[in-house]
């Protein structure tokens, strides 16, 4: 028999702050985490802005020597996991460690380490490449190192489905707990690729905003003057466990996870179909999995990247799924404040969705001054909104036409 699955702990590392409280406060205040890039010299780049994580010190979460040889995205994973486990009060020990797993999503892994070691090899030869090079770049090292640090010996895997990776990981983890393959899962998404090759590559695709003179206004989902997305970095981790376990422990429950949908566009490497059919099938699959109807959803945390195509096509998909309810459901894109964390976006945005249900506050879509063509839904512009949210959905769509949607519900006995 399938089990009910609840969220009992959350952890965040974002461009808006280190930790859940700082990030959530800034998010609800409509603050932007976008600024000029400090990681490398951006002269010559079309885009010179990003959502960097500020004031993060890996040695606060890892032994100093280990911190020096741990890639940034892995450090984010360990840090956010520590926060989430402390928040949940879940204790991993020899009596339960084989039934607690780690499943996370990451799009590009250790790109900064790849760049660095390539330069070393070119200048000093292959024998000077770091012995930690390979372990530092592969995406699955995030759940691997988390497992090592916290002793979780259950299912362990990494998802690499581009910008849908974090949401797919959470959905897969949800199913593992639901079906009894695991009693609890550490899950979410992370990314740290604010590097020269990443920015240059996305610039070559004409995917990024070039509003360098106004970084805080560059990410503007659904606005007619949107000119591309802004790369962000960070990590969002959740503790999923069975309802029975949570009740037995007396754990605080943020929300219940009830639905997971996925689909493929089968259309184009980087562009979704104009009718948004892949996204609409994905959302409908999540709604069906949750055993609800579309008009029961109060809030959607949209993929909302701030690109001309995504925002229009996602809006069309929302109208297809929600029909008359599309004008009534509250929708917002928190990427307007954090930027787009690529594989990490589903992690932080699922945490945001759970916090929306928990606190009864819908984060805004900032910089939405003039809605774009056909973007005529309720995107909660500029200012956060107090509202009781019983059921919410979060969307993540990735290159290759891979889509994920999750449905969360207020926990009811």
Protein backbone atom coordinates (compact mmCIF):
# COMPACT_ATOMS: atom_id res chain seq x y z
CA UNK A 1 0.00 0.00 0.00
CA UNK A 2 1.34 3.45 -0.94
CA UNK A 3 2.35 5.72 1.92
CA UNK A 4 1.73 9.43 2.35
CA UNK A 5 4.89 11.54 2.04
CA UNK A 6 5.59 14.79 3.85
CA UNK A 7 8.28 17.48 3.93
CA UNK A 8 9.76 17.84 7.40
CA UNK A 9 12.98 19.76 6.80
CA UNK A 10 14.36 22.32 4.36
CA UNK A 11 17.72 23.94 3.66
CA UNK A 12 18.67 26.78 1.30
CA UNK A 13 21.80 28.35 -0.13
CA UNK A 14 20.75 31.04 -2.64
CA UNK A 15 21.76 34.39 -4.14
CA UNK A 16 19.34 35.91 -1.61
CA UNK A 17 21.02 34.51 1.47
CA UNK A 18 22.59 31.65 3.40
CA UNK A 19 19.82 29.71 5.12
CA UNK A 20 16.06 29.51 4.91
CA UNK A 21 15.18 32.55 7.01
CA UNK A 22 17.39 35.04 5.18
CA UNK A 23 16.34 33.76 1.76
CA UNK A 24 12.62 33.67 2.55
CA UNK A 25 12.65 37.16 4.06
CA UNK A 26 14.40 38.61 1.00
CA UNK A 27 12.12 36.70 -1.36
CA UNK A 28 8.95 37.98 0.27
CA UNK A 29 10.40 41.49 0.35
CA UNK A 30 10.88 41.36 -3.42
CA UNK A 31 14.64 41.78 -3.26
CA UNK A 32 16.91 40.80 -6.13
CA UNK A 33 20.00 38.63 -5.73
CA UNK A 34 21.34 39.58 -9.16
CA UNK A 35 24.55 41.61 -9.34
CA UNK A 36 27.74 42.01 -11.37
CA UNK A 37 29.86 38.88 -11.65
CA UNK A 38 32.90 38.79 -9.35
CA UNK A 39 34.18 35.25 -10.11
CA UNK A 40 36.02 36.15 -13.31
CA UNK A 41 36.87 39.09 -15.55
CA UNK A 42 33.75 39.74 -17.62
CA UNK A 43 35.23 42.31 -19.98
CA UNK A 44 34.46 41.10 -23.47
CA UNK A 45 31.38 39.16 -22.38
CA UNK A 46 27.94 40.18 -23.59
CA UNK A 47 26.53 39.27 -20.17
CA UNK A 48 28.31 40.50 -17.04
CA UNK A 49 25.70 39.74 -14.37
CA UNK A 50 24.56 36.68 -12.42
CA UNK A 51 22.95 35.52 -9.18
CA UNK A 52 26.07 34.73 -7.16
CA UNK A 53 25.88 33.27 -3.65
CA UNK A 54 27.50 35.81 -1.32
CA UNK A 55 29.41 35.23 1.91
CA UNK A 56 29.41 31.44 1.67
CA UNK A 57 32.31 29.82 3.51
CA UNK A 58 32.56 26.06 2.90
CA UNK A 59 34.75 25.59 5.98
CA UNK A 60 31.67 26.48 8.05
CA UNK A 61 30.16 23.17 6.92
CA UNK A 62 33.16 20.99 6.05
CA UNK A 63 36.56 20.31 7.65
CA UNK A 64 38.96 22.99 6.39
CA UNK A 65 41.24 20.66 4.43
CA UNK A 66 38.28 18.91 2.80
CA UNK A 67 36.60 22.21 2.01
CA UNK A 68 39.62 23.26 -0.04
CA UNK A 69 39.27 20.27 -2.37
CA UNK A 70 35.48 20.17 -2.59
CA UNK A 71 33.77 21.73 -5.60
CA UNK A 72 31.37 24.55 -4.87
CA UNK A 73 28.20 22.70 -5.90
CA UNK A 74 29.10 19.81 -3.57
CA UNK A 75 29.78 22.20 -0.68
CA UNK A 76 26.37 23.76 -1.27
CA UNK A 77 24.78 20.31 -1.10
CA UNK A 78 26.47 19.45 2.19
CA UNK A 79 25.61 22.83 3.71
CA UNK A 80 21.93 22.76 2.70
CA UNK A 81 21.61 19.14 3.83
CA UNK A 82 23.01 19.99 7.25
CA UNK A 83 20.41 22.76 7.53
CA UNK A 84 17.57 20.50 6.41
CA UNK A 85 18.46 17.66 8.77
CA UNK A 86 18.78 20.03 11.71
CA UNK A 87 15.47 21.61 10.75
CA UNK A 88 13.72 18.24 10.57
CA UNK A 89 15.32 16.75 13.66
CA UNK A 90 15.76 13.50 11.74
CA UNK A 91 18.52 11.36 13.24
CA UNK A 92 20.40 8.94 10.99
CA UNK A 93 21.93 6.01 12.85
CA UNK A 94 22.78 2.34 12.45
CA UNK A 95 19.17 1.32 13.00
CA UNK A 96 17.80 3.24 10.01
CA UNK A 97 20.69 4.29 7.76
CA UNK A 98 20.00 1.70 5.04
CA UNK A 99 16.46 3.03 4.55
CA UNK A 100 17.49 6.68 4.19
CA UNK A 101 18.74 7.76 0.79
CA UNK A 102 20.06 10.75 -1.11
CA UNK A 103 18.76 11.73 -4.56
CA UNK A 104 19.71 15.09 -6.03
CA UNK A 105 19.74 16.90 -9.35
CA UNK A 106 22.53 18.88 -11.00
CA UNK A 107 22.77 20.09 -14.58
CA UNK A 108 26.46 20.71 -15.28
CA UNK A 109 28.47 19.63 -12.23
CA UNK A 110 31.93 21.02 -11.57
CA UNK A 111 32.40 23.25 -14.59
CA UNK A 112 34.73 25.64 -12.74
CA UNK A 113 37.07 22.75 -11.83
CA UNK A 114 36.97 21.52 -15.41
CA UNK A 115 38.03 24.95 -16.70
CA UNK A 116 40.78 25.27 -14.11
CA UNK A 117 42.33 21.87 -14.77
CA UNK A 118 42.17 22.29 -18.52
CA UNK A 119 44.22 25.47 -18.17
CA UNK A 120 46.71 23.69 -15.90
CA UNK A 121 47.10 20.87 -18.42
CA UNK A 122 47.62 23.31 -21.28
CA UNK A 123 50.24 25.34 -19.39
CA UNK A 124 52.02 22.74 -17.23
CA UNK A 125 51.22 19.38 -18.81
CA UNK A 126 48.96 16.43 -17.97
CA UNK A 127 50.91 15.35 -14.90
CA UNK A 128 49.92 18.54 -13.08
CA UNK A 129 46.18 17.85 -13.27
CA UNK A 130 44.72 17.48 -9.78
CA UNK A 131 44.02 13.95 -8.48
CA UNK A 132 40.74 15.39 -7.24
CA UNK A 133 39.78 16.59 -10.74
CA UNK A 134 37.38 13.78 -11.64
CA UNK A 135 35.70 13.44 -8.22
CA UNK A 136 35.20 17.21 -8.17
CA UNK A 137 33.39 17.52 -11.50
CA UNK A 138 30.92 14.62 -11.61
CA UNK A 139 27.36 15.49 -10.59
CA UNK A 140 26.73 12.36 -8.55
CA UNK A 141 29.49 13.35 -6.12
CA UNK A 142 26.96 15.67 -4.46
CA UNK A 143 24.70 12.85 -3.19
CA UNK A 144 27.81 10.74 -2.68
CA UNK A 145 29.51 13.21 -0.35
CA UNK A 146 26.22 13.94 1.42
CA UNK A 147 25.84 10.20 2.03
CA UNK A 148 29.38 9.96 3.40
CA UNK A 149 28.97 12.95 5.70
CA UNK A 150 25.58 12.06 7.14
CA UNK A 151 25.64 8.27 6.92
CA UNK A 152 22.63 7.77 4.63
CA UNK A 153 23.14 4.34 3.02
CA UNK A 154 19.84 3.91 1.20
CA UNK A 155 19.09 4.70 -2.48
CA UNK A 156 21.72 7.07 -3.85
CA UNK A 157 21.63 8.73 -7.26
CA UNK A 158 22.02 11.94 -9.22
CA UNK A 159 19.70 13.24 -11.95
CA UNK A 160 21.12 15.27 -14.86
CA UNK A 161 18.07 16.50 -16.77
CA UNK A 162 19.27 20.07 -17.33
CA UNK A 163 16.98 22.69 -15.76
CA UNK A 164 14.48 20.03 -14.65
CA UNK A 165 17.06 18.02 -12.71
CA UNK A 166 16.20 19.21 -9.20
CA UNK A 167 12.47 18.70 -9.68
CA UNK A 168 12.97 15.25 -11.24
CA UNK A 169 15.18 14.26 -8.31
CA UNK A 170 12.54 15.34 -5.80
CA UNK A 171 9.80 13.55 -7.74
CA UNK A 172 11.84 10.35 -7.92
CA UNK A 173 12.65 10.57 -4.21
CA UNK A 174 8.95 11.09 -3.46
CA UNK A 175 8.11 7.85 -5.26
CA UNK A 176 10.81 5.93 -3.36
CA UNK A 177 9.32 6.93 -0.03
CA UNK A 178 5.74 6.50 -1.23
CA UNK A 179 6.36 2.91 -2.33
CA UNK A 180 8.38 1.95 0.72
CA UNK A 181 11.73 1.65 -1.05
CA UNK A 182 13.02 4.20 1.45
CA UNK A 183 11.73 5.55 4.75
CA UNK A 184 13.20 9.01 4.17
CA UNK A 185 15.08 10.81 1.40
CA UNK A 186 17.44 13.76 1.34
CA UNK A 187 16.61 15.37 -1.99
CA UNK A 188 16.79 18.55 -4.03
CA UNK A 189 19.00 20.28 -6.57
CA UNK A 190 22.19 22.32 -6.74
CA UNK A 191 24.30 24.19 -9.30
CA UNK A 192 27.43 26.37 -9.32
CA UNK A 193 28.43 27.23 -12.87
CA UNK A 194 28.99 30.99 -12.90
CA UNK A 195 32.08 30.55 -15.06
CA UNK A 196 33.47 31.98 -18.26
CA UNK A 197 32.56 29.05 -20.48
CA UNK A 198 29.03 28.84 -19.08
CA UNK A 199 28.29 32.51 -19.70
CA UNK A 200 29.99 32.43 -23.11
CA UNK A 201 28.03 29.33 -24.11
CA UNK A 202 24.66 30.73 -23.15
CA UNK A 203 25.61 34.05 -24.79
CA UNK A 204 26.34 32.18 -28.00
CA UNK A 205 22.78 30.82 -27.83
CA UNK A 206 21.47 34.36 -27.19
CA UNK A 207 19.74 32.98 -24.09
CA UNK A 208 20.98 35.45 -21.44
CA UNK A 209 19.93 38.94 -20.49
CA UNK A 210 22.44 41.64 -21.37
CA UNK A 211 20.91 44.28 -19.09
CA UNK A 212 24.29 44.80 -17.44
CA UNK A 213 23.61 48.38 -16.34
CA UNK A 214 20.63 47.31 -14.20
CA UNK A 215 21.38 43.85 -12.75
CA UNK A 216 18.49 43.87 -10.29
CA UNK A 217 16.04 44.50 -13.14
CA UNK A 218 17.49 42.01 -15.61
CA UNK A 219 15.38 38.98 -14.67
CA UNK A 220 11.83 40.00 -15.57
CA UNK A 221 9.62 36.99 -16.27
CA UNK A 222 6.45 37.64 -18.30
CA UNK A 223 7.43 41.29 -18.91
CA UNK A 224 7.40 42.59 -22.48
CA UNK A 225 10.99 43.86 -22.13
CA UNK A 226 12.46 40.53 -20.99
CA UNK A 227 15.59 39.74 -22.97
CA UNK A 228 16.83 36.46 -21.53
CA UNK A 229 17.48 34.67 -18.27
CA UNK A 230 20.15 35.32 -15.63
CA UNK A 231 22.32 32.46 -14.39
CA UNK A 232 22.06 31.81 -10.65
CA UNK A 233 23.68 29.35 -8.27
CA UNK A 234 22.91 27.64 -4.99
CA UNK A 235 21.08 24.67 -3.54
CA UNK A 236 17.72 23.66 -2.14
CA UNK A 237 17.37 20.47 -0.06
CA UNK A 238 14.27 18.85 1.42
CA UNK A 239 13.78 15.97 3.83
CA UNK A 240 10.97 13.73 2.61
CA UNK A 241 9.67 11.03 4.92
CA UNK A 242 6.63 8.89 5.42
CA UNK A 243 3.76 10.49 7.28
CA UNK A 244 3.83 7.67 9.84
CA UNK A 245 7.47 8.41 10.64
CA UNK A 246 6.84 12.15 10.91
CA UNK A 247 3.91 11.66 13.28
CA UNK A 248 5.85 9.18 15.40
CA UNK A 249 8.74 11.65 15.75
CA UNK A 250 6.42 14.59 16.40
CA UNK A 251 8.06 16.36 13.46
CA UNK A 252 6.93 19.66 12.03
CA UNK A 253 5.31 19.15 8.63
CA UNK A 254 5.70 21.92 6.04
CA UNK A 255 3.51 20.28 3.42
CA UNK A 256 2.50 16.94 1.95
CA UNK A 257 3.86 15.94 -1.44
CA UNK A 258 1.06 14.42 -3.48
CA UNK A 259 1.81 14.56 -7.21
CA UNK A 260 4.65 14.18 -9.70
CA UNK A 261 4.43 14.51 -13.47
CA UNK A 262 7.02 14.28 -16.21
CA UNK A 263 6.97 14.48 -20.00
CA UNK A 264 9.11 15.00 -23.08
CA UNK A 265 8.44 17.61 -25.76
CA UNK A 266 9.83 15.55 -28.63
CA UNK A 267 10.23 18.85 -30.46
CA UNK A 268 13.57 20.72 -30.33
CA UNK A 269 16.84 20.71 -28.38
CA UNK A 270 16.36 24.10 -26.76
CA UNK A 271 12.90 25.41 -27.68
CA UNK A 272 9.60 24.10 -26.31
CA UNK A 273 6.69 23.69 -28.74
CA UNK A 274 4.76 26.95 -29.26
CA UNK A 275 1.55 25.49 -27.88
CA UNK A 276 3.31 24.41 -24.68
CA UNK A 277 1.98 20.88 -25.14
CA UNK A 278 4.90 19.18 -23.39
CA UNK A 279 4.52 21.39 -20.34
CA UNK A 280 0.74 21.03 -20.27
CA UNK A 281 0.96 17.22 -20.41
CA UNK A 282 3.49 17.31 -17.60
CA UNK A 283 1.32 19.50 -15.37
CA UNK A 284 -1.75 17.39 -16.09
CA UNK A 285 0.19 14.23 -15.21
CA UNK A 286 1.13 15.74 -11.83
CA UNK A 287 -2.48 16.78 -11.18
CA UNK A 288 -3.72 13.29 -12.07
CA UNK A 289 -1.05 11.69 -9.88
CA UNK A 290 -2.22 13.87 -6.98
CA UNK A 291 -5.82 12.74 -7.50
CA UNK A 292 -7.12 16.30 -7.73
CA UNK A 293 -8.54 18.62 -10.36
CA UNK A 294 -6.79 21.68 -11.77
CA UNK A 295 -9.23 24.09 -10.17
CA UNK A 296 -8.11 22.94 -6.72
CA UNK A 297 -4.66 24.47 -7.23
CA UNK A 298 -4.24 27.87 -5.58
CA UNK A 299 -0.68 28.74 -6.62
CA UNK A 300 1.86 27.85 -9.29
CA UNK A 301 5.58 28.53 -8.89
CA UNK A 302 6.25 28.89 -12.60
CA UNK A 303 9.36 27.89 -14.50
CA UNK A 304 9.25 31.55 -15.63
CA UNK A 305 12.78 32.01 -16.94
CA UNK A 306 12.48 35.55 -18.37
CA UNK A 307 13.12 34.39 -21.94
CA UNK A 308 10.73 35.53 -24.67
CA UNK A 309 9.81 32.00 -25.68
CA UNK A 310 9.53 30.20 -22.33
CA UNK A 311 7.26 32.70 -20.62
CA UNK A 312 4.85 32.86 -23.54
CA UNK A 313 4.71 29.11 -24.10
CA UNK A 314 4.40 28.32 -20.40
CA UNK A 315 1.51 30.77 -20.17
CA UNK A 316 -0.19 28.97 -23.06
CA UNK A 317 0.38 25.65 -21.30
CA UNK A 318 -1.13 27.00 -18.07
CA UNK A 319 -4.21 28.14 -19.98
CA UNK A 320 -4.54 24.70 -21.57
CA UNK A 321 -4.42 22.91 -18.22
CA UNK A 322 -6.35 25.34 -16.03
CA UNK A 323 -8.88 26.59 -18.58
CA UNK A 324 -11.26 29.05 -16.85
CA UNK A 325 -9.33 28.67 -13.59
CA UNK A 326 -6.17 30.05 -15.27
CA UNK A 327 -7.31 33.61 -14.57
CA UNK A 328 -7.94 32.80 -10.91
CA UNK A 329 -4.82 30.87 -9.92
CA UNK A 330 -1.92 32.90 -8.50
CA UNK A 331 1.33 32.41 -10.44
CA UNK A 332 4.78 33.78 -9.74
CA UNK A 333 8.34 33.32 -10.91
CA UNK A 334 10.85 33.49 -8.10
CA UNK A 335 13.59 33.44 -10.76
CA UNK A 336 12.91 37.17 -11.01
CA UNK A 337 14.86 37.41 -7.74
CA UNK A 338 17.21 34.42 -7.67
CA UNK A 339 18.02 34.09 -11.35
CA UNK A 340 17.88 30.65 -12.95
CA UNK A 341 19.79 28.00 -10.99
CA UNK A 342 19.59 25.55 -13.92
CA UNK A 343 19.68 22.06 -12.32
CA UNK A 344 19.32 23.63 -8.89
CA UNK A 345 16.16 25.57 -9.67
CA UNK A 346 13.76 22.74 -8.84
CA UNK A 347 15.41 22.35 -5.44
CA UNK A 348 15.03 25.91 -4.23
CA UNK A 349 11.65 26.42 -5.91
CA UNK A 350 10.12 23.34 -4.28
CA UNK A 351 11.32 24.68 -0.93
CA UNK A 352 9.76 28.06 -1.82
CA UNK A 353 6.49 26.33 -2.70
CA UNK A 354 6.44 24.47 0.62
CA UNK A 355 7.16 27.72 2.48
CA UNK A 356 4.35 29.45 0.57
CA UNK A 357 1.92 26.85 1.94
CA UNK A 358 3.49 27.03 5.41
CA UNK A 359 3.41 30.82 5.78
CA UNK A 360 0.45 31.80 3.61
CA UNK A 361 2.58 34.25 1.65
CA UNK A 362 2.95 34.09 -2.14
CA UNK A 363 6.32 35.48 -3.31
CA UNK A 364 6.04 38.09 -6.06
CA UNK A 365 7.28 38.30 -9.62
CA UNK A 366 9.41 41.42 -9.50
CA UNK A 367 10.24 43.64 -12.50
CA UNK A 368 6.89 42.84 -14.13
CA UNK A 369 6.19 46.40 -15.26
CA UNK A 370 4.37 45.73 -18.52
CA UNK A 371 3.10 42.19 -19.20
CA UNK A 372 4.19 40.75 -22.53
CA UNK A 373 1.96 39.65 -25.36
CA UNK A 374 -0.48 36.93 -24.21
CA UNK A 375 1.04 37.06 -20.71
CA UNK A 376 -2.23 38.09 -19.12
CA UNK A 377 -2.52 35.88 -16.04
CA UNK A 378 -2.16 36.76 -12.36
CA UNK A 379 1.63 36.70 -11.90
CA UNK A 380 1.55 38.43 -8.46
CA UNK A 381 3.54 41.44 -9.70
CA UNK A 382 6.01 43.38 -7.53
CA UNK A 383 4.61 42.68 -4.05
CA UNK A 384 4.16 39.46 -2.06
CA UNK A 385 0.56 38.50 -1.33
CA UNK A 386 -0.95 37.02 1.81
CA UNK A 387 -3.20 34.13 0.88
CA UNK A 388 -4.18 30.74 2.21
CA UNK A 389 -2.64 28.22 -0.17
CA UNK A 390 -3.98 24.69 0.20
CA UNK A 391 -2.57 23.17 -2.99
CA UNK A 392 0.38 24.38 -5.04
CA UNK A 393 2.38 23.29 -8.08
CA UNK A 394 5.95 23.99 -9.13
CA UNK A 395 7.25 23.61 -12.69
CA UNK A 396 10.73 22.93 -14.08
CA UNK A 397 11.42 22.51 -17.79
CA UNK A 398 14.81 21.69 -19.33
CA UNK A 399 16.76 21.67 -22.58
CA UNK A 400 16.11 18.54 -24.59
CA UNK A 401 12.41 19.01 -23.91
CA UNK A 402 12.41 17.35 -20.48
CA UNK A 403 9.71 18.51 -18.07
CA UNK A 404 8.83 18.02 -14.39
CA UNK A 405 5.93 19.24 -12.25
CA UNK A 406 5.34 18.64 -8.54
CA UNK A 407 2.15 19.13 -6.52
CA UNK A 408 2.24 19.95 -2.80
CA UNK A 409 -0.71 20.18 -0.44
CA UNK A 410 -1.31 21.61 3.01
CA UNK A 411 -1.05 18.72 5.45
CA UNK A 412 -4.42 17.61 6.76
CA UNK A 413 -4.93 14.79 9.28
